[in-house]
Protein backbone atom coordinates (compact mmCIF):
# COMPACT_ATOMS: atom_id res chain seq x y z
CA MET A 1 -23.71 -12.20 -3.46
CA THR A 2 -20.16 -11.98 -5.03
CA LYS A 3 -17.98 -9.13 -3.87
CA LEU A 4 -14.96 -7.10 -5.04
CA ILE A 5 -12.65 -6.76 -2.16
CA ILE A 6 -9.49 -4.76 -3.07
CA PHE A 7 -6.61 -4.67 -0.30
CA ASP A 8 -4.16 -1.84 0.42
CA LEU A 9 -0.82 -3.52 0.79
CA ASP A 10 1.69 -1.41 3.31
CA GLY A 11 -0.30 -1.76 6.93
CA VAL A 12 -3.02 -3.85 5.88
CA LEU A 13 -1.29 -7.22 4.34
CA VAL A 14 2.26 -6.44 5.15
CA ASP A 15 3.64 -4.55 8.25
CA ALA A 16 5.96 -2.71 5.97
CA CYS A 17 5.14 1.26 6.80
CA GLU A 18 7.97 1.47 9.29
CA TRP A 19 10.42 -0.18 6.73
CA HIS A 20 9.63 2.43 4.25
CA ARG A 21 10.13 5.22 7.04
CA VAL A 22 13.46 3.42 8.12
CA ALA A 23 14.58 3.45 4.46
CA LEU A 24 13.51 6.67 3.40
CA ASN A 25 15.07 8.36 6.87
CA GLN A 26 18.37 6.34 6.18
CA ALA A 27 18.54 7.64 2.48
CA LEU A 28 17.74 11.12 3.30
CA LYS A 29 20.22 11.34 6.29
CA GLU A 30 23.14 10.03 4.02
CA ILE A 31 22.58 12.47 1.15
CA CYS A 32 20.58 15.33 2.77
CA ASP A 33 21.65 14.72 6.45
CA TYR A 34 17.88 15.17 7.22
CA GLU A 35 15.50 13.10 8.70
CA ILE A 36 11.53 13.13 8.89
CA SER A 37 10.29 13.14 12.13
CA LEU A 38 8.21 10.40 13.60
CA GLU A 39 5.30 12.98 13.95
CA ASP A 40 5.58 14.32 10.57
CA HIS A 41 5.68 10.83 9.15
CA TYR A 42 2.34 9.95 10.42
CA THR A 43 0.49 13.28 10.05
CA THR A 44 2.04 14.19 6.71
CA PHE A 45 4.00 11.27 4.62
CA ASN A 46 2.47 7.86 5.53
CA GLY A 47 0.97 6.34 2.91
CA ILE A 48 2.07 8.46 -0.25
CA PRO A 49 4.75 7.40 -2.80
CA THR A 50 8.37 8.22 -2.61
CA ARG A 51 8.37 10.80 -5.18
CA VAL A 52 5.47 12.85 -3.83
CA LYS A 53 7.24 12.69 -0.20
CA LEU A 54 10.55 14.47 -1.76
CA LYS A 55 8.27 17.08 -3.48
CA LYS A 56 7.18 18.15 -0.35
CA LEU A 57 10.06 18.29 1.30
CA SER A 58 11.71 20.25 -1.42
CA ASP A 59 8.63 22.74 -0.96
CA MET A 60 9.55 22.90 3.01
CA GLY A 61 13.09 23.76 1.43
CA VAL A 62 15.11 20.57 3.12
CA VAL A 63 15.72 18.68 0.08
CA ASN A 64 17.21 20.11 -2.89
CA ILE A 65 15.14 18.85 -6.32
CA LYS A 66 18.79 17.79 -7.84
CA GLN A 67 18.87 15.17 -4.90
CA HIS A 68 15.43 13.90 -5.73
CA ASP A 69 16.80 10.79 -7.99
CA LEU A 70 19.85 10.04 -5.64
CA VAL A 71 17.53 9.64 -2.53
CA TYR A 72 14.57 7.77 -4.35
CA ASN A 73 17.24 5.23 -5.90
CA ARG A 74 19.12 4.88 -2.24
CA LYS A 75 15.71 4.58 -0.60
CA GLN A 76 14.48 1.56 -2.98
CA GLU A 77 17.58 -0.01 -2.90
CA LEU A 78 17.36 -0.14 1.16
CA SER A 79 13.82 -1.09 1.16
CA ILE A 80 14.82 -4.23 -0.75
CA ASN A 81 17.19 -5.11 1.79
CA ILE A 82 14.96 -4.60 4.38
CA ILE A 83 11.90 -6.71 2.74
CA GLU A 84 14.21 -9.28 1.98
CA LYS A 85 15.24 -9.69 5.48
CA ASN A 86 12.09 -9.21 7.12
CA ALA A 87 9.07 -10.42 5.14
CA LYS A 88 8.11 -13.88 5.99
CA LEU A 89 5.50 -16.06 4.67
CA ASP A 90 1.92 -15.03 6.19
CA ILE A 91 -0.12 -18.16 6.37
CA SER A 92 -3.25 -16.13 7.94
CA LYS A 93 -3.29 -13.90 4.65
CA ILE A 94 -2.91 -17.02 2.57
CA ASN A 95 -5.90 -18.84 4.17
CA MET A 96 -7.97 -15.52 4.48
CA ILE A 97 -7.58 -15.22 0.36
CA ASN A 98 -8.06 -18.63 -0.44
CA GLU A 99 -11.27 -18.67 1.50
CA LEU A 100 -12.62 -15.31 -0.04
CA LYS A 101 -11.90 -16.93 -3.58
CA LYS A 102 -13.40 -20.06 -2.78
CA LYS A 103 -16.94 -18.55 -1.58
CA GLY A 104 -16.31 -16.87 -5.17
CA HIS A 105 -15.45 -13.39 -4.28
CA VAL A 106 -12.71 -11.18 -6.75
CA VAL A 107 -9.46 -10.10 -4.81
CA ALA A 108 -7.57 -7.20 -5.85
CA CYS A 109 -4.33 -5.44 -4.25
CA TYR A 110 -3.98 -1.54 -4.70
CA THR A 111 -0.76 0.18 -3.38
CA ASN A 112 0.88 3.20 -3.43
CA SER A 113 4.30 1.17 -3.60
CA ILE A 114 6.42 0.88 -6.71
CA ARG A 115 5.79 -2.37 -8.74
CA LYS A 116 9.38 -3.76 -7.68
CA THR A 117 8.99 -3.58 -3.98
CA ALA A 118 4.83 -4.33 -3.77
CA TYR A 119 5.40 -7.59 -5.88
CA LEU A 120 8.62 -8.68 -3.57
CA MET A 121 6.45 -8.28 -0.38
CA LEU A 122 3.46 -10.26 -1.83
CA THR A 123 5.61 -12.50 -2.87
CA LYS A 124 7.54 -13.28 0.24
CA ILE A 125 4.34 -13.51 2.19
CA GLY A 126 2.90 -16.21 -0.26
CA VAL A 127 0.01 -14.42 -1.82
CA ILE A 128 0.95 -12.86 -5.21
CA ASP A 129 -0.44 -15.84 -7.30
CA LEU A 130 -3.54 -15.74 -5.54
CA PHE A 131 -4.64 -12.15 -6.82
CA ASP A 132 -6.99 -11.43 -9.39
CA TYR A 133 -5.58 -8.06 -10.16
CA ILE A 134 -2.52 -5.86 -8.48
CA LEU A 135 -2.21 -2.29 -9.41
CA THR A 136 0.88 -0.03 -8.22
CA ASN A 137 1.46 3.70 -8.18
CA GLN A 138 3.43 3.02 -11.30
CA ASP A 139 -0.14 2.05 -13.02
CA VAL A 140 -1.66 4.97 -12.23
CA LYS A 141 -1.66 8.93 -13.02
CA GLU A 142 -2.63 9.87 -9.47
CA SER A 143 -1.73 8.28 -6.74
CA LYS A 144 -3.46 8.25 -3.30
CA PRO A 145 -5.29 9.85 -1.93
CA ASP A 146 -6.61 10.30 -5.43
CA PRO A 147 -9.14 7.59 -5.94
CA GLU A 148 -7.86 6.93 -9.48
CA GLY A 149 -6.92 3.20 -8.68
CA TYR A 150 -9.69 2.18 -6.64
CA GLU A 151 -11.60 3.29 -9.63
CA PHE A 152 -9.99 1.54 -12.34
CA ILE A 153 -10.22 -1.83 -10.73
CA VAL A 154 -13.89 -1.31 -9.93
CA ASN A 155 -14.48 -0.50 -13.48
CA TYR A 156 -11.80 -3.55 -14.70
CA PHE A 157 -14.31 -5.49 -12.97
CA ASN A 158 -17.52 -4.15 -13.81
CA PHE A 159 -18.53 -4.26 -10.22
CA LYS A 160 -21.27 -1.75 -8.62
CA LYS A 161 -19.38 0.23 -6.01
CA ASP A 162 -21.87 -1.27 -3.44
CA ASN A 163 -20.44 -4.84 -4.01
CA VAL A 164 -17.12 -3.47 -3.29
CA ILE A 165 -15.11 -3.40 0.08
CA ILE A 166 -11.79 -1.64 0.09
CA VAL A 167 -9.47 -2.38 3.08
CA GLU A 168 -7.27 0.54 3.92
CA ASP A 169 -5.11 1.86 7.15
CA SER A 170 -3.62 5.10 6.54
CA PRO A 171 -5.12 8.65 6.00
CA LYS A 172 -4.39 9.06 2.68
CA GLY A 173 -5.41 5.58 1.72
CA LYS A 174 -8.73 5.65 3.47
CA GLN A 175 -8.98 9.23 1.72
CA ALA A 176 -8.74 7.41 -1.63
CA ALA A 177 -10.96 4.68 -0.80
CA TYR A 178 -13.85 7.01 0.24
CA ALA A 179 -13.69 9.12 -2.22
CA SER A 180 -14.33 6.09 -4.61
CA GLY A 181 -17.63 5.73 -3.02
CA CYS A 182 -16.92 2.22 -2.22
CA ASN A 183 -17.80 0.35 1.07
CA VAL A 184 -14.18 0.74 3.56
CA LEU A 185 -13.23 -1.75 5.90
CA GLU A 186 -10.81 0.65 8.16
CA VAL A 187 -7.86 -1.57 9.98
CA GLU A 188 -4.92 -0.34 12.48
CA ASN A 189 -2.38 -2.76 11.27
CA PRO A 190 -1.94 -6.27 9.21
CA SER A 191 -2.77 -8.55 12.56
CA GLU A 192 -6.46 -7.28 12.24
CA VAL A 193 -6.71 -8.40 8.75
CA ASP A 194 -7.47 -12.20 8.65
CA ILE A 195 -10.70 -14.04 7.57
CA ASN A 196 -12.52 -12.90 10.69
CA LEU A 197 -12.65 -9.75 9.06
CA PHE A 198 -15.07 -10.81 6.46
CA LYS A 199 -17.05 -12.97 8.54
CA GLU A 200 -20.36 -11.21 7.83
CA ILE A 201 -19.96 -11.22 4.10
CA ILE A 202 -18.86 -14.99 3.93
């Protein structure tokens, strides 16, 4: 039976979570003289959009709301530089998506990244033209952990949730995936994400 398979991006298709962490911390250090600890990153900040992170930091009293745009813009600039330097063609991801599509499955990507960095990462690893749909945090009103994005893709392709598989790694992403009512494949990192992950359905 045809499945709709929706991939998260950071930490699933690309090992970019650390890139985002480093870029934001460098921007925060330059502008606010503050850095997010590794523990806080994984327990609180991993998997949510930069704007949401900045709001949390302001609620904590460590970032002035007037500095949000400065930090945000600098973080995106640093992220682009890191992606350009580190993202490489990934044959295993190309082969995986091609094999899934050859078997008739529909393949989409939904990420909490902004469109510019998401498209750059997908281009660099060689899969951007293989997806049937790509959704970013700029395309939804409520980002993960809200399930809005996943629900939108499911409705867009008119699939029953029993026939949808979401691949996620971060706590916020998994929360959104489970809240959507779809099947969820939990992974630890992109090294687990290849065609063998789907051997039972193909």
